[in-house]
């Protein structure tokens, strides 16, 4: 069983990254394999709405842009479960998370979102400032994930104030997801 985590903060040593690391530690402790991608290290361009808004993505399930998107998409197909972790910017996902998920949504619409319907997903939103907005960001992330066909395993809001006790909870969540996958393989 494998989990693929996409961390969409530009700060690869910050709050969001520490939360993902805690989750992955729990997943690995339960015998799972984990891979982490820091989205800021990949070249993922925004959709250009080619061919009247629905170009090759609707016709062939691929994007015309030449960047790292298809590499990341391939990793999503290979894994059994996914972690989507984002910092909260103005009550929403990071820009890089929205860009990636928008392109994934467009390409997956080609086959009615069936490729991802057996995949479990965890959403993590970390608010470093006031802490406000984490829940709203998770609602937006949930909408993306459900439209993509993922089975939502959990949605976890975290603030810099709740970080200390939620790190332990995230490790337990990772462990629980791995156990759920091993006892009920997709």
N, C-alpha and C. Protein backbone atom coordinates (compact mmCIF):
# COMPACT_ATOMS: atom_id res chain seq x y z
N UNK A 1 0.84 -1.17 0.00
CA UNK A 1 0.00 0.00 0.00
C UNK A 1 0.88 1.23 0.00
N UNK A 2 0.49 2.21 -0.80
CA UNK A 2 1.31 3.39 -0.98
C UNK A 2 0.46 4.65 -0.89
N UNK A 3 1.02 5.66 -0.22
CA UNK A 3 0.40 6.97 -0.17
C UNK A 3 1.31 7.95 -0.89
N UNK A 4 0.69 8.83 -1.66
CA UNK A 4 1.42 9.89 -2.35
C UNK A 4 0.91 11.21 -1.77
N UNK A 5 1.83 12.00 -1.23
CA UNK A 5 1.47 13.27 -0.61
C UNK A 5 1.94 14.43 -1.47
N UNK A 6 1.05 15.37 -1.67
CA UNK A 6 1.39 16.61 -2.37
C UNK A 6 1.28 17.74 -1.36
N UNK A 7 2.40 18.39 -1.13
CA UNK A 7 2.50 19.49 -0.18
C UNK A 7 2.65 20.76 -1.00
N UNK A 8 1.72 21.70 -0.85
CA UNK A 8 1.69 22.84 -1.77
C UNK A 8 2.15 24.16 -1.17
N UNK A 9 2.93 24.11 -0.11
CA UNK A 9 3.52 25.33 0.43
C UNK A 9 4.88 25.57 -0.22
N UNK A 10 5.23 26.83 -0.42
CA UNK A 10 6.56 27.14 -0.94
C UNK A 10 7.63 26.99 0.14
N UNK A 11 7.21 26.94 1.39
CA UNK A 11 8.13 26.78 2.51
C UNK A 11 8.25 25.28 2.82
N UNK A 12 9.25 24.63 2.27
CA UNK A 12 9.34 23.17 2.41
C UNK A 12 9.77 22.73 3.81
N UNK A 13 10.13 23.67 4.67
CA UNK A 13 10.47 23.34 6.05
C UNK A 13 9.51 24.00 7.03
N UNK A 14 8.35 24.41 6.57
CA UNK A 14 7.41 25.14 7.40
C UNK A 14 6.34 24.27 8.04
N UNK A 15 5.29 24.93 8.48
CA UNK A 15 4.19 24.29 9.19
C UNK A 15 3.54 23.18 8.36
N UNK A 16 3.17 23.47 7.14
CA UNK A 16 2.48 22.48 6.30
C UNK A 16 3.35 21.25 6.11
N UNK A 17 4.61 21.44 5.84
CA UNK A 17 5.52 20.32 5.64
C UNK A 17 5.66 19.47 6.90
N UNK A 18 5.75 20.11 8.06
CA UNK A 18 5.89 19.34 9.30
C UNK A 18 4.65 18.49 9.56
N UNK A 19 3.49 18.99 9.17
CA UNK A 19 2.25 18.25 9.35
C UNK A 19 2.22 17.01 8.45
N UNK A 20 2.62 17.19 7.20
CA UNK A 20 2.66 16.07 6.26
C UNK A 20 3.66 15.02 6.74
N UNK A 21 4.82 15.47 7.21
CA UNK A 21 5.84 14.54 7.69
C UNK A 21 5.31 13.69 8.84
N UNK A 22 4.55 14.29 9.73
CA UNK A 22 3.97 13.55 10.85
C UNK A 22 2.99 12.49 10.35
N UNK A 23 2.15 12.88 9.40
CA UNK A 23 1.20 11.93 8.82
C UNK A 23 1.94 10.76 8.16
N UNK A 24 2.95 11.07 7.37
CA UNK A 24 3.70 10.03 6.65
C UNK A 24 4.45 9.12 7.61
N UNK A 25 4.92 9.65 8.72
CA UNK A 25 5.59 8.83 9.73
C UNK A 25 4.63 7.75 10.23
N UNK A 26 3.40 8.13 10.55
CA UNK A 26 2.41 7.17 11.00
C UNK A 26 2.08 6.14 9.94
N UNK A 27 1.98 6.59 8.70
CA UNK A 27 1.67 5.67 7.59
C UNK A 27 2.78 4.64 7.44
N UNK A 28 4.02 5.09 7.50
CA UNK A 28 5.16 4.17 7.36
C UNK A 28 5.27 3.24 8.56
N UNK A 29 4.97 3.74 9.76
CA UNK A 29 5.01 2.90 10.96
C UNK A 29 4.01 1.75 10.88
N UNK A 30 2.97 1.92 10.09
CA UNK A 30 1.97 0.86 9.92
C UNK A 30 2.32 -0.05 8.75
N UNK A 31 3.50 0.13 8.17
CA UNK A 31 3.95 -0.75 7.09
C UNK A 31 3.72 -0.22 5.70
N UNK A 32 3.27 1.01 5.58
CA UNK A 32 3.00 1.57 4.27
C UNK A 32 4.22 2.22 3.64
N UNK A 33 4.13 2.41 2.35
CA UNK A 33 5.16 3.10 1.58
C UNK A 33 4.64 4.51 1.31
N UNK A 34 5.53 5.50 1.41
CA UNK A 34 5.10 6.89 1.24
C UNK A 34 6.05 7.64 0.32
N UNK A 35 5.46 8.54 -0.46
CA UNK A 35 6.23 9.44 -1.30
C UNK A 35 5.67 10.85 -1.13
N UNK A 36 6.57 11.82 -1.03
CA UNK A 36 6.18 13.21 -0.83
C UNK A 36 6.68 14.06 -1.99
N UNK A 37 5.80 14.88 -2.52
CA UNK A 37 6.16 15.84 -3.56
C UNK A 37 5.89 17.24 -3.04
N UNK A 38 6.93 18.06 -3.03
CA UNK A 38 6.77 19.48 -2.72
C UNK A 38 6.41 20.15 -4.05
N UNK A 39 5.19 20.61 -4.17
CA UNK A 39 4.70 21.15 -5.44
C UNK A 39 5.56 22.29 -5.97
N UNK A 40 6.19 23.04 -5.06
CA UNK A 40 7.01 24.18 -5.50
C UNK A 40 8.27 23.73 -6.24
N UNK A 41 8.62 22.47 -6.14
CA UNK A 41 9.80 21.95 -6.85
C UNK A 41 9.45 21.42 -8.24
N UNK A 42 8.19 21.51 -8.61
CA UNK A 42 7.73 21.04 -9.91
C UNK A 42 7.24 22.22 -10.73
N UNK A 43 7.39 22.11 -12.02
CA UNK A 43 6.89 23.12 -12.94
C UNK A 43 5.48 22.73 -13.36
N UNK A 44 4.49 23.34 -12.74
CA UNK A 44 3.09 23.08 -13.08
C UNK A 44 2.46 24.43 -13.42
N UNK A 45 2.21 24.60 -14.70
CA UNK A 45 1.67 25.87 -15.20
C UNK A 45 0.14 25.91 -15.04
N UNK A 46 -0.43 27.10 -14.98
CA UNK A 46 -1.89 27.20 -14.94
C UNK A 46 -2.51 26.83 -16.28
N UNK A 47 -3.73 26.34 -16.23
CA UNK A 47 -4.49 26.02 -17.43
C UNK A 47 -4.61 27.27 -18.31
N UNK A 48 -4.46 27.08 -19.61
CA UNK A 48 -4.59 28.21 -20.54
C UNK A 48 -5.93 28.17 -21.29
N UNK A 49 -6.81 27.27 -20.90
CA UNK A 49 -8.15 27.16 -21.49
C UNK A 49 -8.07 27.12 -23.02
N UNK A 50 -7.22 26.25 -23.53
CA UNK A 50 -7.02 26.15 -24.97
C UNK A 50 -8.27 25.63 -25.69
N UNK A 51 -8.33 25.85 -26.95
CA UNK A 51 -9.40 25.34 -27.81
C UNK A 51 -10.79 25.65 -27.24
N UNK A 52 -11.00 26.90 -26.93
CA UNK A 52 -12.31 27.32 -26.44
C UNK A 52 -12.60 26.91 -25.01
N UNK A 53 -11.59 26.56 -24.26
CA UNK A 53 -11.76 26.22 -22.85
C UNK A 53 -11.63 24.75 -22.53
N UNK A 54 -11.87 23.90 -23.50
CA UNK A 54 -11.75 22.45 -23.28
C UNK A 54 -11.00 21.86 -24.46
N UNK A 55 -9.71 21.86 -24.38
CA UNK A 55 -8.88 21.35 -25.46
C UNK A 55 -8.65 19.85 -25.35
N UNK A 56 -7.39 19.48 -25.41
CA UNK A 56 -7.02 18.07 -25.38
C UNK A 56 -7.47 17.39 -24.09
N UNK A 57 -7.63 18.16 -23.01
CA UNK A 57 -8.03 17.55 -21.73
C UNK A 57 -9.39 16.86 -21.86
N UNK A 58 -10.33 17.49 -22.53
CA UNK A 58 -11.65 16.87 -22.67
C UNK A 58 -11.66 15.80 -23.76
N UNK A 59 -10.87 16.01 -24.82
CA UNK A 59 -10.88 15.08 -25.94
C UNK A 59 -10.07 13.81 -25.67
N UNK A 60 -8.92 13.97 -24.99
CA UNK A 60 -8.02 12.83 -24.81
C UNK A 60 -7.61 12.57 -23.36
N UNK A 61 -8.04 13.42 -22.44
CA UNK A 61 -7.66 13.24 -21.05
C UNK A 61 -6.22 13.63 -20.76
N UNK A 62 -5.63 14.44 -21.63
CA UNK A 62 -4.25 14.89 -21.45
C UNK A 62 -4.22 16.40 -21.59
N UNK A 63 -3.16 16.98 -21.05
CA UNK A 63 -3.00 18.43 -21.16
C UNK A 63 -1.97 18.76 -22.21
N UNK A 64 -2.23 19.82 -22.96
CA UNK A 64 -1.34 20.24 -24.03
C UNK A 64 -0.05 20.88 -23.49
N UNK A 65 -0.10 21.40 -22.26
CA UNK A 65 1.07 22.06 -21.69
C UNK A 65 2.18 21.07 -21.40
N UNK A 66 3.39 21.48 -21.67
CA UNK A 66 4.57 20.64 -21.43
C UNK A 66 5.22 21.09 -20.13
N UNK A 67 4.93 20.38 -19.07
CA UNK A 67 5.51 20.67 -17.76
C UNK A 67 5.49 19.40 -16.93
N UNK A 68 5.53 19.52 -15.62
CA UNK A 68 5.62 18.34 -14.74
C UNK A 68 4.26 17.79 -14.32
N UNK A 69 3.18 18.34 -14.83
CA UNK A 69 1.85 17.91 -14.41
C UNK A 69 1.64 16.41 -14.63
N UNK A 70 1.94 15.91 -15.81
CA UNK A 70 1.69 14.49 -16.10
C UNK A 70 2.54 13.57 -15.22
N UNK A 71 3.73 14.01 -14.84
CA UNK A 71 4.55 13.22 -13.92
C UNK A 71 3.84 13.06 -12.58
N UNK A 72 3.33 14.15 -12.05
CA UNK A 72 2.60 14.10 -10.79
C UNK A 72 1.31 13.30 -10.92
N UNK A 73 0.63 13.46 -12.01
CA UNK A 73 -0.61 12.72 -12.25
C UNK A 73 -0.34 11.22 -12.28
N UNK A 74 0.78 10.83 -12.89
CA UNK A 74 1.15 9.42 -12.92
C UNK A 74 1.38 8.87 -11.52
N UNK A 75 1.97 9.67 -10.65
CA UNK A 75 2.20 9.24 -9.27
C UNK A 75 0.88 9.07 -8.53
N UNK A 76 -0.10 9.88 -8.87
CA UNK A 76 -1.42 9.73 -8.26
C UNK A 76 -2.04 8.40 -8.68
N UNK A 77 -1.90 8.04 -9.93
CA UNK A 77 -2.43 6.75 -10.39
C UNK A 77 -1.75 5.58 -9.71
N UNK A 78 -0.44 5.70 -9.46
CA UNK A 78 0.32 4.59 -8.87
C UNK A 78 0.00 4.35 -7.40
N UNK A 79 -0.44 5.36 -6.69
CA UNK A 79 -0.65 5.24 -5.25
C UNK A 79 -2.08 4.81 -4.93
N UNK A 80 -2.23 4.24 -3.74
CA UNK A 80 -3.54 3.79 -3.27
C UNK A 80 -4.31 4.91 -2.57
N UNK A 81 -3.55 5.84 -1.99
CA UNK A 81 -4.17 6.93 -1.23
C UNK A 81 -3.32 8.18 -1.39
N UNK A 82 -3.92 9.31 -1.03
CA UNK A 82 -3.27 10.60 -1.26
C UNK A 82 -3.48 11.55 -0.11
N UNK A 83 -2.46 12.37 0.10
CA UNK A 83 -2.55 13.48 1.04
C UNK A 83 -2.40 14.75 0.23
N UNK A 84 -3.34 15.64 0.38
CA UNK A 84 -3.26 16.96 -0.24
C UNK A 84 -3.15 17.96 0.91
N UNK A 85 -1.97 18.55 1.06
CA UNK A 85 -1.72 19.48 2.16
C UNK A 85 -1.46 20.87 1.60
N UNK A 86 -2.15 21.84 2.16
CA UNK A 86 -2.03 23.21 1.66
C UNK A 86 -1.96 24.20 2.81
N UNK A 87 -1.16 25.23 2.65
CA UNK A 87 -1.29 26.35 3.58
C UNK A 87 -2.58 27.10 3.24
N UNK A 88 -3.06 27.85 4.18
CA UNK A 88 -4.28 28.63 3.95
C UNK A 88 -3.90 30.05 3.58
N UNK A 89 -4.36 30.49 2.41
CA UNK A 89 -4.15 31.86 1.96
C UNK A 89 -5.51 32.49 1.75
N UNK A 90 -5.86 33.44 2.59
CA UNK A 90 -7.13 34.14 2.48
C UNK A 90 -8.31 33.17 2.41
N UNK A 91 -8.37 32.26 3.36
CA UNK A 91 -9.47 31.30 3.50
C UNK A 91 -9.54 30.31 2.34
N UNK A 92 -8.45 30.08 1.67
CA UNK A 92 -8.47 29.20 0.50
C UNK A 92 -7.17 28.42 0.39
N UNK A 93 -7.12 27.54 -0.60
CA UNK A 93 -5.93 26.75 -0.89
C UNK A 93 -4.84 27.65 -1.45
N UNK A 94 -3.61 27.16 -1.41
CA UNK A 94 -2.53 27.90 -2.05
C UNK A 94 -2.78 27.95 -3.55
N UNK A 95 -2.18 28.93 -4.19
CA UNK A 95 -2.35 29.08 -5.64
C UNK A 95 -1.84 27.84 -6.37
N UNK A 96 -0.71 27.30 -5.94
CA UNK A 96 -0.17 26.12 -6.63
C UNK A 96 -1.09 24.92 -6.48
N UNK A 97 -1.74 24.77 -5.33
CA UNK A 97 -2.70 23.67 -5.14
C UNK A 97 -3.88 23.84 -6.08
N UNK A 98 -4.40 25.06 -6.18
CA UNK A 98 -5.55 25.30 -7.06
C UNK A 98 -5.19 25.05 -8.52
N UNK A 99 -4.00 25.48 -8.92
CA UNK A 99 -3.57 25.26 -10.31
C UNK A 99 -3.48 23.77 -10.61
N UNK A 100 -2.84 23.02 -9.72
CA UNK A 100 -2.69 21.58 -9.94
C UNK A 100 -4.05 20.88 -9.96
N UNK A 101 -4.88 21.16 -8.97
CA UNK A 101 -6.17 20.48 -8.88
C UNK A 101 -7.10 20.87 -10.02
N UNK A 102 -7.01 22.11 -10.49
CA UNK A 102 -7.84 22.52 -11.63
C UNK A 102 -7.45 21.73 -12.88
N UNK A 103 -6.17 21.58 -13.11
CA UNK A 103 -5.75 20.82 -14.30
C UNK A 103 -6.09 19.34 -14.14
N UNK A 104 -5.95 18.81 -12.95
CA UNK A 104 -6.31 17.41 -12.71
C UNK A 104 -7.80 17.21 -12.97
N UNK A 105 -8.62 18.14 -12.50
CA UNK A 105 -10.07 18.06 -12.72
C UNK A 105 -10.41 18.07 -14.20
N UNK A 106 -9.77 18.94 -14.95
CA UNK A 106 -10.04 19.03 -16.38
C UNK A 106 -9.65 17.73 -17.09
N UNK A 107 -8.48 17.20 -16.80
CA UNK A 107 -8.01 15.98 -17.48
C UNK A 107 -8.81 14.75 -17.06
N UNK A 108 -9.20 14.69 -15.80
CA UNK A 108 -9.96 13.54 -15.32
C UNK A 108 -11.40 13.55 -15.79
N UNK A 109 -11.91 14.70 -16.23
CA UNK A 109 -13.29 14.76 -16.72
C UNK A 109 -13.46 13.95 -18.00
N UNK A 110 -12.35 13.69 -18.69
CA UNK A 110 -12.37 12.93 -19.94
C UNK A 110 -13.07 11.58 -19.77
N UNK A 111 -12.83 10.90 -18.67
CA UNK A 111 -13.42 9.57 -18.47
C UNK A 111 -14.43 9.55 -17.33
N UNK A 112 -14.97 10.69 -17.00
CA UNK A 112 -15.99 10.75 -15.96
C UNK A 112 -15.43 10.56 -14.56
N UNK A 113 -14.16 10.87 -14.36
CA UNK A 113 -13.50 10.81 -13.05
C UNK A 113 -13.39 9.39 -12.50
N UNK A 114 -13.46 8.38 -13.35
CA UNK A 114 -13.40 7.00 -12.88
C UNK A 114 -12.02 6.56 -12.42
N UNK A 115 -10.95 7.16 -12.93
CA UNK A 115 -9.60 6.72 -12.56
C UNK A 115 -9.31 6.88 -11.08
N UNK A 116 -9.96 7.82 -10.43
CA UNK A 116 -9.63 8.13 -9.05
C UNK A 116 -10.68 7.63 -8.06
N UNK A 117 -11.71 6.96 -8.53
CA UNK A 117 -12.83 6.59 -7.67
C UNK A 117 -12.49 5.53 -6.63
N UNK A 118 -11.38 4.85 -6.78
CA UNK A 118 -10.97 3.86 -5.78
C UNK A 118 -9.90 4.40 -4.84
N UNK A 119 -9.53 5.66 -5.01
CA UNK A 119 -8.43 6.24 -4.22
C UNK A 119 -8.98 6.99 -3.00
N UNK A 120 -8.34 6.75 -1.87
CA UNK A 120 -8.69 7.48 -0.65
C UNK A 120 -7.86 8.76 -0.58
N UNK A 121 -8.41 9.79 0.04
CA UNK A 121 -7.70 11.06 0.14
C UNK A 121 -7.87 11.66 1.53
N UNK A 122 -6.81 12.30 1.96
CA UNK A 122 -6.80 13.09 3.20
C UNK A 122 -6.51 14.53 2.80
N UNK A 123 -7.23 15.45 3.34
CA UNK A 123 -6.95 16.86 3.12
C UNK A 123 -6.45 17.50 4.41
N UNK A 124 -5.38 18.26 4.29
CA UNK A 124 -4.81 18.98 5.44
C UNK A 124 -4.70 20.45 5.05
N UNK A 125 -5.26 21.32 5.87
CA UNK A 125 -5.13 22.76 5.65
C UNK A 125 -4.48 23.38 6.88
N UNK A 126 -3.38 24.08 6.67
CA UNK A 126 -2.66 24.67 7.80
C UNK A 126 -2.68 26.19 7.71
N UNK A 127 -3.22 26.79 8.75
CA UNK A 127 -3.31 28.25 8.82
C UNK A 127 -2.27 28.75 9.82
N UNK A 128 -1.29 29.45 9.31
CA UNK A 128 -0.20 29.90 10.17
C UNK A 128 -0.43 31.25 10.82
N UNK A 129 -1.25 32.07 10.25
CA UNK A 129 -1.47 33.41 10.80
C UNK A 129 -2.47 33.38 11.93
N UNK A 130 -3.64 33.95 11.69
CA UNK A 130 -4.68 34.03 12.71
C UNK A 130 -5.29 32.66 13.00
N UNK A 131 -5.14 31.74 12.08
CA UNK A 131 -5.78 30.44 12.22
C UNK A 131 -7.15 30.39 11.60
N UNK A 132 -7.63 31.54 11.20
CA UNK A 132 -8.94 31.58 10.58
C UNK A 132 -8.81 31.13 9.13
N UNK A 133 -9.82 30.53 8.62
CA UNK A 133 -9.82 30.17 7.22
C UNK A 133 -9.49 28.72 6.94
N UNK A 134 -8.98 27.98 7.91
CA UNK A 134 -8.59 26.59 7.66
C UNK A 134 -9.80 25.74 7.27
N UNK A 135 -10.90 25.92 7.96
CA UNK A 135 -12.10 25.13 7.66
C UNK A 135 -12.65 25.49 6.29
N UNK A 136 -12.70 26.77 5.97
CA UNK A 136 -13.19 27.18 4.64
C UNK A 136 -12.28 26.63 3.54
N UNK A 137 -10.98 26.67 3.75
CA UNK A 137 -10.05 26.11 2.77
C UNK A 137 -10.31 24.62 2.59
N UNK A 138 -10.57 23.93 3.69
CA UNK A 138 -10.86 22.49 3.59
C UNK A 138 -12.17 22.22 2.85
N UNK A 139 -13.15 23.08 3.01
CA UNK A 139 -14.39 22.91 2.26
C UNK A 139 -14.12 23.01 0.76
N UNK A 140 -13.27 23.94 0.37
CA UNK A 140 -12.91 24.06 -1.04
C UNK A 140 -12.12 22.84 -1.51
N UNK A 141 -11.19 22.37 -0.68
CA UNK A 141 -10.43 21.18 -1.03
C UNK A 141 -11.34 19.96 -1.13
N UNK A 142 -12.28 19.85 -0.20
CA UNK A 142 -13.23 18.74 -0.25
C UNK A 142 -14.01 18.75 -1.56
N UNK A 143 -14.42 19.92 -2.00
CA UNK A 143 -15.16 20.03 -3.26
C UNK A 143 -14.32 19.53 -4.42
N UNK A 144 -13.07 19.95 -4.50
CA UNK A 144 -12.17 19.45 -5.54
C UNK A 144 -12.07 17.92 -5.48
N UNK A 145 -11.76 17.40 -4.29
CA UNK A 145 -11.52 15.96 -4.15
C UNK A 145 -12.76 15.14 -4.48
N UNK A 146 -13.92 15.58 -4.04
CA UNK A 146 -15.15 14.84 -4.35
C UNK A 146 -15.45 14.88 -5.85
N UNK A 147 -15.28 16.03 -6.47
CA UNK A 147 -15.51 16.13 -7.92
C UNK A 147 -14.56 15.24 -8.70
N UNK A 148 -13.34 15.08 -8.18
CA UNK A 148 -12.36 14.21 -8.82
C UNK A 148 -12.66 12.73 -8.58
N UNK A 149 -13.57 12.43 -7.66
CA UNK A 149 -13.97 11.05 -7.41
C UNK A 149 -13.27 10.39 -6.24
N UNK A 150 -12.40 11.10 -5.54
CA UNK A 150 -11.70 10.51 -4.40
C UNK A 150 -12.69 10.14 -3.30
N UNK A 151 -12.35 9.09 -2.54
CA UNK A 151 -13.06 8.76 -1.31
C UNK A 151 -12.37 9.52 -0.18
N UNK A 152 -13.08 10.43 0.46
CA UNK A 152 -12.48 11.25 1.51
C UNK A 152 -12.33 10.40 2.77
N UNK A 153 -11.10 10.25 3.23
CA UNK A 153 -10.81 9.54 4.48
C UNK A 153 -10.88 10.50 5.66
N UNK A 154 -10.37 11.71 5.47
CA UNK A 154 -10.44 12.71 6.54
C UNK A 154 -10.05 14.08 5.98
N UNK A 155 -10.53 15.11 6.64
CA UNK A 155 -10.16 16.50 6.35
C UNK A 155 -9.74 17.11 7.68
N UNK A 156 -8.51 17.62 7.74
CA UNK A 156 -7.94 18.02 9.02
C UNK A 156 -7.47 19.48 8.98
N UNK A 157 -8.16 20.36 9.74
CA UNK A 157 -7.70 21.74 9.84
C UNK A 157 -6.69 21.89 10.97
N UNK A 158 -5.66 22.68 10.73
CA UNK A 158 -4.63 22.88 11.75
C UNK A 158 -4.23 24.35 11.75
N UNK A 159 -3.99 24.87 12.92
CA UNK A 159 -3.48 26.23 13.06
C UNK A 159 -2.13 26.16 13.77
N UNK A 160 -1.41 27.25 13.75
CA UNK A 160 -0.12 27.25 14.46
C UNK A 160 -0.35 27.04 15.95
N UNK A 161 -1.53 27.40 16.45
CA UNK A 161 -1.85 27.23 17.87
C UNK A 161 -2.16 25.77 18.18
N UNK A 162 -2.81 25.05 17.27
CA UNK A 162 -3.17 23.65 17.52
C UNK A 162 -2.12 22.66 17.02
N UNK A 163 -1.06 23.16 16.44
CA UNK A 163 -0.05 22.30 15.81
C UNK A 163 0.48 21.21 16.74
N UNK A 164 0.86 21.58 17.96
CA UNK A 164 1.53 20.63 18.84
C UNK A 164 0.71 19.37 19.09
N UNK A 165 -0.55 19.52 19.44
CA UNK A 165 -1.34 18.31 19.70
C UNK A 165 -1.84 17.65 18.42
N UNK A 166 -1.95 18.40 17.35
CA UNK A 166 -2.41 17.80 16.10
C UNK A 166 -1.32 17.02 15.38
N UNK A 167 -0.05 17.29 15.68
CA UNK A 167 1.03 16.48 15.09
C UNK A 167 0.85 15.02 15.48
N UNK A 168 0.56 14.77 16.74
CA UNK A 168 0.33 13.40 17.21
C UNK A 168 -0.91 12.81 16.54
N UNK A 169 -1.95 13.62 16.42
CA UNK A 169 -3.17 13.16 15.77
C UNK A 169 -2.92 12.80 14.31
N UNK A 170 -2.10 13.60 13.62
CA UNK A 170 -1.78 13.32 12.23
C UNK A 170 -1.01 12.01 12.08
N UNK A 171 -0.11 11.76 13.00
CA UNK A 171 0.62 10.49 12.96
C UNK A 171 -0.36 9.32 13.12
N UNK A 172 -1.31 9.47 14.02
CA UNK A 172 -2.33 8.42 14.20
C UNK A 172 -3.22 8.30 12.96
N UNK A 173 -3.52 9.41 12.32
CA UNK A 173 -4.33 9.38 11.10
C UNK A 173 -3.59 8.63 10.00
N UNK A 174 -2.29 8.86 9.86
CA UNK A 174 -1.49 8.13 8.88
C UNK A 174 -1.48 6.65 9.16
N UNK A 175 -1.32 6.30 10.42
CA UNK A 175 -1.33 4.90 10.82
C UNK A 175 -2.69 4.27 10.51
N UNK A 176 -3.75 4.98 10.85
CA UNK A 176 -5.11 4.47 10.61
C UNK A 176 -5.40 4.28 9.13
N UNK A 177 -4.95 5.20 8.30
CA UNK A 177 -5.17 5.05 6.86
C UNK A 177 -4.45 3.82 6.33
N UNK A 178 -3.20 3.62 6.75
CA UNK A 178 -2.45 2.45 6.30
C UNK A 178 -3.14 1.16 6.73
N UNK A 179 -3.62 1.12 7.96
CA UNK A 179 -4.32 -0.08 8.46
C UNK A 179 -5.62 -0.30 7.69
N UNK A 180 -6.33 0.78 7.40
CA UNK A 180 -7.58 0.65 6.63
C UNK A 180 -7.30 0.11 5.24
N UNK A 181 -6.22 0.57 4.62
CA UNK A 181 -5.87 0.08 3.28
C UNK A 181 -5.44 -1.37 3.31
N UNK A 182 -4.70 -1.77 4.35
CA UNK A 182 -4.21 -3.15 4.41
C UNK A 182 -5.33 -4.13 4.74
N UNK A 183 -6.34 -3.69 5.51
CA UNK A 183 -7.43 -4.59 5.85
C UNK A 183 -8.54 -4.59 4.82
N UNK A 184 -8.58 -3.55 4.02
CA UNK A 184 -9.61 -3.44 2.99
C UNK A 184 -8.98 -2.87 1.72
N UNK A 185 -8.14 -3.67 1.04
CA UNK A 185 -7.47 -3.15 -0.15
C UNK A 185 -8.47 -2.73 -1.21
N UNK A 186 -8.08 -1.70 -1.93
CA UNK A 186 -8.97 -1.14 -2.96
C UNK A 186 -9.07 -2.05 -4.16
